[in-house]
Amino acid sequence: MPLQPLPTKIFLAPYGIKPIDIAAVIGIAGPYSYDFRKFSSATAFGPNATPDQVMPDRQIKGAQPPYLLLTAEKDKIVHVTNTIKMTEAFKKAGVTVETGEIEGASHATSIGAMAPPLRWVNDVRAQVLTYLDKTLK
């Protein structure tokens, strides 16, 4: 049976928290806004699901924490339009959002370089730590 996404409010409620209780969110190479029905990812959603029902850029409700959305310069899997659309949706909702690019990164190395043995691959870790240092002070 395909997974059904839960609205953030419902997902967090069992833990007694709301989105605004989270200090910061970092998205790396995220598929925030695309028509999944045209790709193999369609099986991850219900058979009658639509992008309006499940894409994160259409699910922003209420107060939100600040976000950093990073894209990988050479990502051939998740295109930069996802971050552009998500950023627009956040701004429309009044959410603080910053964006950045991970130079030289592919989809896999955009997160893989967080691992100690692969830190030399790109600067994703440095970007994340700089953002958290600035945002959490």
N, C-alpha and C. Protein backbone atom coordinates (compact mmCIF):
# COMPACT_ATOMS: atom_id res chain seq x y z
N MET A 1 0.84 -1.18 0.00
CA MET A 1 0.00 0.00 0.00
C MET A 1 0.89 1.25 0.00
N PRO A 2 0.65 2.21 -0.90
CA PRO A 2 1.48 3.41 -0.96
C PRO A 2 1.36 4.24 0.30
N LEU A 3 2.43 4.93 0.62
CA LEU A 3 2.44 5.81 1.78
C LEU A 3 1.57 7.03 1.52
N GLN A 4 0.89 7.50 2.53
CA GLN A 4 0.09 8.72 2.43
C GLN A 4 0.77 9.78 3.29
N PRO A 5 1.13 10.93 2.71
CA PRO A 5 1.77 11.98 3.49
C PRO A 5 0.81 12.55 4.52
N LEU A 6 1.35 12.94 5.64
CA LEU A 6 0.56 13.56 6.69
C LEU A 6 0.87 15.04 6.76
N PRO A 7 -0.13 15.87 6.94
CA PRO A 7 0.16 17.28 7.16
C PRO A 7 1.07 17.43 8.37
N THR A 8 1.98 18.41 8.31
CA THR A 8 2.96 18.60 9.38
C THR A 8 2.30 18.68 10.75
N LYS A 9 1.20 19.41 10.83
CA LYS A 9 0.51 19.58 12.11
C LYS A 9 0.13 18.23 12.71
N ILE A 10 -0.41 17.34 11.88
CA ILE A 10 -0.82 16.02 12.35
C ILE A 10 0.41 15.18 12.69
N PHE A 11 1.44 15.27 11.88
CA PHE A 11 2.66 14.50 12.10
C PHE A 11 3.32 14.88 13.42
N LEU A 12 3.35 16.16 13.75
CA LEU A 12 4.02 16.62 14.96
C LEU A 12 3.15 16.53 16.21
N ALA A 13 1.85 16.55 16.06
CA ALA A 13 0.93 16.57 17.20
C ALA A 13 1.18 15.48 18.24
N PRO A 14 1.43 14.23 17.85
CA PRO A 14 1.66 13.19 18.87
C PRO A 14 2.85 13.50 19.77
N TYR A 15 3.73 14.38 19.32
CA TYR A 15 4.91 14.74 20.10
C TYR A 15 4.70 16.03 20.88
N GLY A 16 3.51 16.60 20.77
CA GLY A 16 3.19 17.81 21.50
C GLY A 16 3.89 19.05 20.98
N ILE A 17 4.26 19.05 19.70
CA ILE A 17 4.93 20.23 19.14
C ILE A 17 4.22 20.71 17.88
N LYS A 18 4.50 21.97 17.55
CA LYS A 18 3.98 22.60 16.34
C LYS A 18 5.19 22.98 15.47
N PRO A 19 4.98 23.26 14.19
CA PRO A 19 6.11 23.63 13.34
C PRO A 19 6.94 24.78 13.92
N ILE A 20 6.30 25.76 14.53
CA ILE A 20 7.02 26.92 15.05
C ILE A 20 7.92 26.56 16.25
N ASP A 21 7.70 25.40 16.84
CA ASP A 21 8.55 24.95 17.95
C ASP A 21 9.93 24.48 17.47
N ILE A 22 10.06 24.28 16.18
CA ILE A 22 11.32 23.84 15.58
C ILE A 22 12.16 25.08 15.30
N ALA A 23 13.41 25.08 15.68
CA ALA A 23 14.26 26.27 15.57
C ALA A 23 14.68 26.59 14.13
N ALA A 24 14.91 25.58 13.31
CA ALA A 24 15.34 25.80 11.93
C ALA A 24 15.20 24.49 11.16
N VAL A 25 15.00 24.63 9.85
CA VAL A 25 14.89 23.46 8.97
C VAL A 25 15.84 23.67 7.80
N ILE A 26 16.53 22.60 7.43
CA ILE A 26 17.43 22.64 6.28
C ILE A 26 16.99 21.56 5.30
N GLY A 27 16.73 21.98 4.09
CA GLY A 27 16.37 21.05 3.03
C GLY A 27 17.51 20.97 2.04
N ILE A 28 17.91 19.77 1.70
CA ILE A 28 19.01 19.58 0.76
C ILE A 28 18.51 18.76 -0.43
N ALA A 29 18.54 19.38 -1.60
CA ALA A 29 18.13 18.73 -2.86
C ALA A 29 16.74 18.11 -2.74
N GLY A 30 15.81 18.87 -2.18
CA GLY A 30 14.48 18.34 -1.90
C GLY A 30 13.51 18.39 -3.06
N PRO A 31 12.71 17.34 -3.22
CA PRO A 31 11.65 17.32 -4.23
C PRO A 31 10.38 17.96 -3.68
N TYR A 32 10.35 19.28 -3.64
CA TYR A 32 9.29 20.03 -2.98
C TYR A 32 8.10 20.33 -3.88
N SER A 33 8.29 20.32 -5.18
CA SER A 33 7.24 20.79 -6.07
C SER A 33 7.42 20.23 -7.48
N TYR A 34 6.81 19.09 -7.73
CA TYR A 34 6.88 18.51 -9.07
C TYR A 34 5.70 17.57 -9.26
N ASP A 35 5.41 17.24 -10.47
CA ASP A 35 4.30 16.33 -10.75
C ASP A 35 4.82 14.89 -10.71
N PHE A 36 4.77 14.32 -9.53
CA PHE A 36 5.30 12.97 -9.28
C PHE A 36 4.63 11.92 -10.15
N ARG A 37 3.45 12.23 -10.66
CA ARG A 37 2.71 11.25 -11.47
C ARG A 37 3.43 10.92 -12.77
N LYS A 38 4.38 11.75 -13.16
CA LYS A 38 5.12 11.54 -14.41
C LYS A 38 6.42 10.76 -14.20
N PHE A 39 6.66 10.32 -12.97
CA PHE A 39 7.92 9.66 -12.65
C PHE A 39 7.66 8.39 -11.85
N SER A 40 8.69 7.58 -11.67
CA SER A 40 8.54 6.34 -10.91
C SER A 40 8.15 6.62 -9.46
N SER A 41 8.36 7.83 -8.99
CA SER A 41 7.99 8.17 -7.62
C SER A 41 6.48 8.15 -7.41
N ALA A 42 5.70 8.03 -8.46
CA ALA A 42 4.25 7.99 -8.34
C ALA A 42 3.79 6.89 -7.40
N THR A 43 4.53 5.80 -7.33
CA THR A 43 4.13 4.68 -6.47
C THR A 43 4.25 5.00 -4.98
N ALA A 44 4.91 6.10 -4.65
CA ALA A 44 5.04 6.48 -3.24
C ALA A 44 3.79 7.16 -2.71
N PHE A 45 2.88 7.49 -3.60
CA PHE A 45 1.68 8.21 -3.22
C PHE A 45 0.45 7.40 -3.56
N GLY A 46 -0.67 7.80 -3.04
CA GLY A 46 -1.92 7.11 -3.33
C GLY A 46 -2.24 7.15 -4.81
N PRO A 47 -2.99 6.19 -5.30
CA PRO A 47 -3.27 6.10 -6.74
C PRO A 47 -4.01 7.31 -7.30
N ASN A 48 -4.75 8.01 -6.48
CA ASN A 48 -5.50 9.17 -6.94
C ASN A 48 -4.92 10.48 -6.43
N ALA A 49 -3.75 10.42 -5.83
CA ALA A 49 -3.14 11.63 -5.27
C ALA A 49 -2.74 12.60 -6.38
N THR A 50 -2.78 13.88 -6.04
CA THR A 50 -2.36 14.93 -6.97
C THR A 50 -1.26 15.75 -6.31
N PRO A 51 -0.47 16.47 -7.10
CA PRO A 51 0.56 17.33 -6.52
C PRO A 51 -0.03 18.34 -5.52
N ASP A 52 -1.21 18.86 -5.79
CA ASP A 52 -1.82 19.82 -4.86
C ASP A 52 -2.08 19.20 -3.49
N GLN A 53 -2.29 17.91 -3.45
CA GLN A 53 -2.57 17.23 -2.18
C GLN A 53 -1.30 16.87 -1.41
N VAL A 54 -0.18 16.67 -2.10
CA VAL A 54 0.98 16.11 -1.41
C VAL A 54 2.29 16.89 -1.50
N MET A 55 2.42 17.78 -2.46
CA MET A 55 3.69 18.49 -2.59
C MET A 55 3.87 19.51 -1.47
N PRO A 56 5.04 19.53 -0.86
CA PRO A 56 5.30 20.42 0.28
C PRO A 56 5.05 21.90 0.01
N ASP A 57 5.29 22.37 -1.20
CA ASP A 57 5.09 23.79 -1.48
C ASP A 57 3.62 24.18 -1.42
N ARG A 58 2.74 23.21 -1.36
CA ARG A 58 1.30 23.48 -1.29
C ARG A 58 0.72 23.15 0.10
N GLN A 59 1.60 22.83 1.04
CA GLN A 59 1.15 22.40 2.37
C GLN A 59 1.56 23.36 3.48
N ILE A 60 1.98 24.56 3.17
CA ILE A 60 2.45 25.51 4.17
C ILE A 60 1.23 26.13 4.85
N LYS A 61 1.13 25.87 6.14
CA LYS A 61 -0.02 26.37 6.91
C LYS A 61 0.46 26.86 8.26
N GLY A 62 0.12 28.07 8.59
CA GLY A 62 0.47 28.61 9.90
C GLY A 62 1.93 29.02 10.01
N ALA A 63 2.29 29.39 11.23
CA ALA A 63 3.66 29.85 11.50
C ALA A 63 4.66 28.72 11.26
N GLN A 64 5.80 29.09 10.69
CA GLN A 64 6.83 28.12 10.34
C GLN A 64 8.19 28.60 10.86
N PRO A 65 9.10 27.66 11.07
CA PRO A 65 10.48 28.03 11.43
C PRO A 65 11.19 28.59 10.20
N PRO A 66 12.36 29.16 10.38
CA PRO A 66 13.14 29.59 9.21
C PRO A 66 13.71 28.38 8.47
N TYR A 67 13.90 28.54 7.18
CA TYR A 67 14.38 27.46 6.33
C TYR A 67 15.63 27.86 5.57
N LEU A 68 16.49 26.89 5.33
CA LEU A 68 17.58 26.99 4.37
C LEU A 68 17.35 25.87 3.36
N LEU A 69 17.25 26.23 2.09
CA LEU A 69 17.06 25.25 1.02
C LEU A 69 18.29 25.26 0.13
N LEU A 70 18.99 24.13 0.09
CA LEU A 70 20.19 24.01 -0.72
C LEU A 70 19.92 23.14 -1.94
N THR A 71 20.47 23.55 -3.07
CA THR A 71 20.38 22.75 -4.28
C THR A 71 21.78 22.33 -4.68
N ALA A 72 21.85 21.23 -5.40
CA ALA A 72 23.14 20.72 -5.88
C ALA A 72 23.34 21.23 -7.31
N GLU A 73 24.49 21.83 -7.54
CA GLU A 73 24.79 22.44 -8.84
C GLU A 73 24.58 21.47 -10.01
N LYS A 74 24.95 20.20 -9.84
CA LYS A 74 24.90 19.23 -10.93
C LYS A 74 23.84 18.16 -10.71
N ASP A 75 22.77 18.51 -10.00
CA ASP A 75 21.71 17.55 -9.70
C ASP A 75 20.89 17.28 -10.96
N LYS A 76 20.88 16.03 -11.38
CA LYS A 76 20.10 15.61 -12.55
C LYS A 76 18.83 14.85 -12.13
N ILE A 77 18.62 14.72 -10.82
CA ILE A 77 17.46 13.98 -10.31
C ILE A 77 16.39 14.93 -9.79
N VAL A 78 16.77 15.83 -8.91
CA VAL A 78 15.84 16.83 -8.36
C VAL A 78 16.26 18.19 -8.90
N HIS A 79 15.46 18.73 -9.76
CA HIS A 79 15.81 19.97 -10.44
C HIS A 79 15.61 21.20 -9.56
N VAL A 80 16.36 22.24 -9.85
CA VAL A 80 16.35 23.48 -9.07
C VAL A 80 14.96 24.11 -9.02
N THR A 81 14.10 23.82 -9.98
CA THR A 81 12.76 24.39 -9.97
C THR A 81 12.00 24.01 -8.69
N ASN A 82 12.33 22.88 -8.09
CA ASN A 82 11.71 22.50 -6.82
C ASN A 82 12.01 23.53 -5.75
N THR A 83 13.26 23.93 -5.65
CA THR A 83 13.65 24.92 -4.64
C THR A 83 13.08 26.29 -4.98
N ILE A 84 13.06 26.64 -6.25
CA ILE A 84 12.51 27.94 -6.66
C ILE A 84 11.04 28.03 -6.27
N LYS A 85 10.27 27.00 -6.57
CA LYS A 85 8.83 27.01 -6.24
C LYS A 85 8.60 26.97 -4.74
N MET A 86 9.40 26.19 -4.02
CA MET A 86 9.25 26.13 -2.56
C MET A 86 9.59 27.48 -1.94
N THR A 87 10.64 28.11 -2.41
CA THR A 87 11.03 29.42 -1.91
C THR A 87 9.92 30.43 -2.15
N GLU A 88 9.34 30.44 -3.33
CA GLU A 88 8.23 31.34 -3.64
C GLU A 88 7.05 31.09 -2.70
N ALA A 89 6.74 29.82 -2.46
CA ALA A 89 5.62 29.49 -1.57
C ALA A 89 5.90 29.96 -0.14
N PHE A 90 7.13 29.76 0.33
CA PHE A 90 7.48 30.23 1.67
C PHE A 90 7.36 31.74 1.77
N LYS A 91 7.90 32.44 0.79
CA LYS A 91 7.85 33.90 0.82
C LYS A 91 6.41 34.40 0.81
N LYS A 92 5.57 33.77 0.00
CA LYS A 92 4.15 34.14 -0.07
C LYS A 92 3.48 33.95 1.29
N ALA A 93 3.91 32.93 2.03
CA ALA A 93 3.34 32.63 3.35
C ALA A 93 4.03 33.43 4.47
N GLY A 94 5.02 34.26 4.11
CA GLY A 94 5.71 35.07 5.12
C GLY A 94 6.76 34.33 5.92
N VAL A 95 7.23 33.21 5.39
CA VAL A 95 8.23 32.39 6.07
C VAL A 95 9.63 32.89 5.70
N THR A 96 10.51 32.93 6.67
CA THR A 96 11.90 33.30 6.41
C THR A 96 12.58 32.12 5.72
N VAL A 97 13.15 32.39 4.55
CA VAL A 97 13.80 31.33 3.78
C VAL A 97 15.05 31.87 3.11
N GLU A 98 16.10 31.08 3.15
CA GLU A 98 17.33 31.37 2.45
C GLU A 98 17.60 30.20 1.51
N THR A 99 18.31 30.49 0.43
CA THR A 99 18.68 29.44 -0.50
C THR A 99 20.19 29.48 -0.75
N GLY A 100 20.69 28.37 -1.23
CA GLY A 100 22.11 28.30 -1.57
C GLY A 100 22.35 27.16 -2.53
N GLU A 101 23.51 27.19 -3.14
CA GLU A 101 23.89 26.14 -4.08
C GLU A 101 25.14 25.44 -3.58
N ILE A 102 25.16 24.14 -3.74
CA ILE A 102 26.33 23.35 -3.36
C ILE A 102 27.12 23.15 -4.64
N GLU A 103 28.19 23.91 -4.79
CA GLU A 103 28.98 23.88 -6.01
C GLU A 103 29.60 22.50 -6.26
N GLY A 104 29.47 22.07 -7.50
CA GLY A 104 30.07 20.81 -7.92
C GLY A 104 29.33 19.56 -7.45
N ALA A 105 28.26 19.73 -6.69
CA ALA A 105 27.56 18.57 -6.11
C ALA A 105 26.54 17.97 -7.07
N SER A 106 26.42 16.65 -7.00
CA SER A 106 25.34 15.93 -7.68
C SER A 106 24.26 15.69 -6.62
N HIS A 107 23.20 15.01 -7.01
CA HIS A 107 22.15 14.70 -6.03
C HIS A 107 22.72 13.88 -4.87
N ALA A 108 23.48 12.84 -5.18
CA ALA A 108 24.02 11.96 -4.14
C ALA A 108 25.09 12.64 -3.29
N THR A 109 25.96 13.41 -3.92
CA THR A 109 27.03 14.04 -3.13
C THR A 109 26.55 15.25 -2.36
N SER A 110 25.35 15.75 -2.69
CA SER A 110 24.83 16.91 -1.97
C SER A 110 24.62 16.58 -0.50
N ILE A 111 24.32 15.35 -0.18
CA ILE A 111 24.16 14.94 1.22
C ILE A 111 25.32 14.05 1.65
N GLY A 112 25.87 13.30 0.70
CA GLY A 112 26.97 12.40 1.02
C GLY A 112 28.17 13.10 1.63
N ALA A 113 28.39 14.34 1.22
CA ALA A 113 29.55 15.09 1.73
C ALA A 113 29.38 15.55 3.17
N MET A 114 28.26 15.24 3.78
CA MET A 114 28.09 15.52 5.22
C MET A 114 28.91 14.50 6.04
N ALA A 115 29.16 13.33 5.46
CA ALA A 115 29.90 12.27 6.15
C ALA A 115 31.38 12.65 6.26
N PRO A 116 31.97 12.42 7.42
CA PRO A 116 33.38 12.80 7.61
C PRO A 116 34.34 12.34 6.50
N PRO A 117 34.26 11.11 6.00
CA PRO A 117 35.22 10.72 4.98
C PRO A 117 35.03 11.45 3.64
N LEU A 118 33.88 12.07 3.44
CA LEU A 118 33.59 12.69 2.14
C LEU A 118 33.51 14.23 2.20
N ARG A 119 33.90 14.82 3.30
CA ARG A 119 33.78 16.28 3.44
C ARG A 119 34.56 17.04 2.38
N TRP A 120 35.56 16.44 1.81
CA TRP A 120 36.38 17.09 0.79
C TRP A 120 35.63 17.24 -0.54
N VAL A 121 34.52 16.51 -0.73
CA VAL A 121 33.80 16.50 -2.00
C VAL A 121 33.15 17.85 -2.31
N ASN A 122 32.55 18.49 -1.32
CA ASN A 122 31.93 19.81 -1.50
C ASN A 122 31.74 20.47 -0.14
N ASP A 123 31.17 21.67 -0.15
CA ASP A 123 31.07 22.45 1.10
C ASP A 123 29.69 22.40 1.76
N VAL A 124 28.90 21.37 1.49
CA VAL A 124 27.56 21.30 2.07
C VAL A 124 27.60 21.38 3.60
N ARG A 125 28.50 20.67 4.22
CA ARG A 125 28.58 20.68 5.68
C ARG A 125 28.88 22.08 6.19
N ALA A 126 29.81 22.76 5.56
CA ALA A 126 30.15 24.13 5.98
C ALA A 126 28.95 25.05 5.82
N GLN A 127 28.21 24.91 4.74
CA GLN A 127 27.03 25.76 4.54
C GLN A 127 25.98 25.49 5.62
N VAL A 128 25.75 24.23 5.93
CA VAL A 128 24.78 23.87 6.96
C VAL A 128 25.20 24.42 8.32
N LEU A 129 26.44 24.20 8.69
CA LEU A 129 26.92 24.67 10.00
C LEU A 129 26.91 26.19 10.11
N THR A 130 27.26 26.88 9.04
CA THR A 130 27.23 28.34 9.03
C THR A 130 25.81 28.83 9.23
N TYR A 131 24.87 28.23 8.53
CA TYR A 131 23.46 28.61 8.67
C TYR A 131 22.96 28.36 10.09
N LEU A 132 23.24 27.19 10.62
CA LEU A 132 22.78 26.86 11.98
C LEU A 132 23.42 27.79 13.02
N ASP A 133 24.69 28.07 12.86
CA ASP A 133 25.37 28.96 13.79
C ASP A 133 24.70 30.33 13.79
N LYS A 134 24.43 30.85 12.62
CA LYS A 134 23.80 32.17 12.47
C LYS A 134 22.35 32.16 12.98
N THR A 135 21.60 31.15 12.62
CA THR A 135 20.16 31.11 12.89
C THR A 135 19.84 30.76 14.34
N LEU A 136 20.64 29.93 14.97
CA LEU A 136 20.33 29.47 16.31
C LEU A 136 20.89 30.35 17.42
N LYS A 137 21.59 31.41 17.05
CA LYS A 137 22.12 32.32 18.09
C LYS A 137 21.09 33.33 18.51
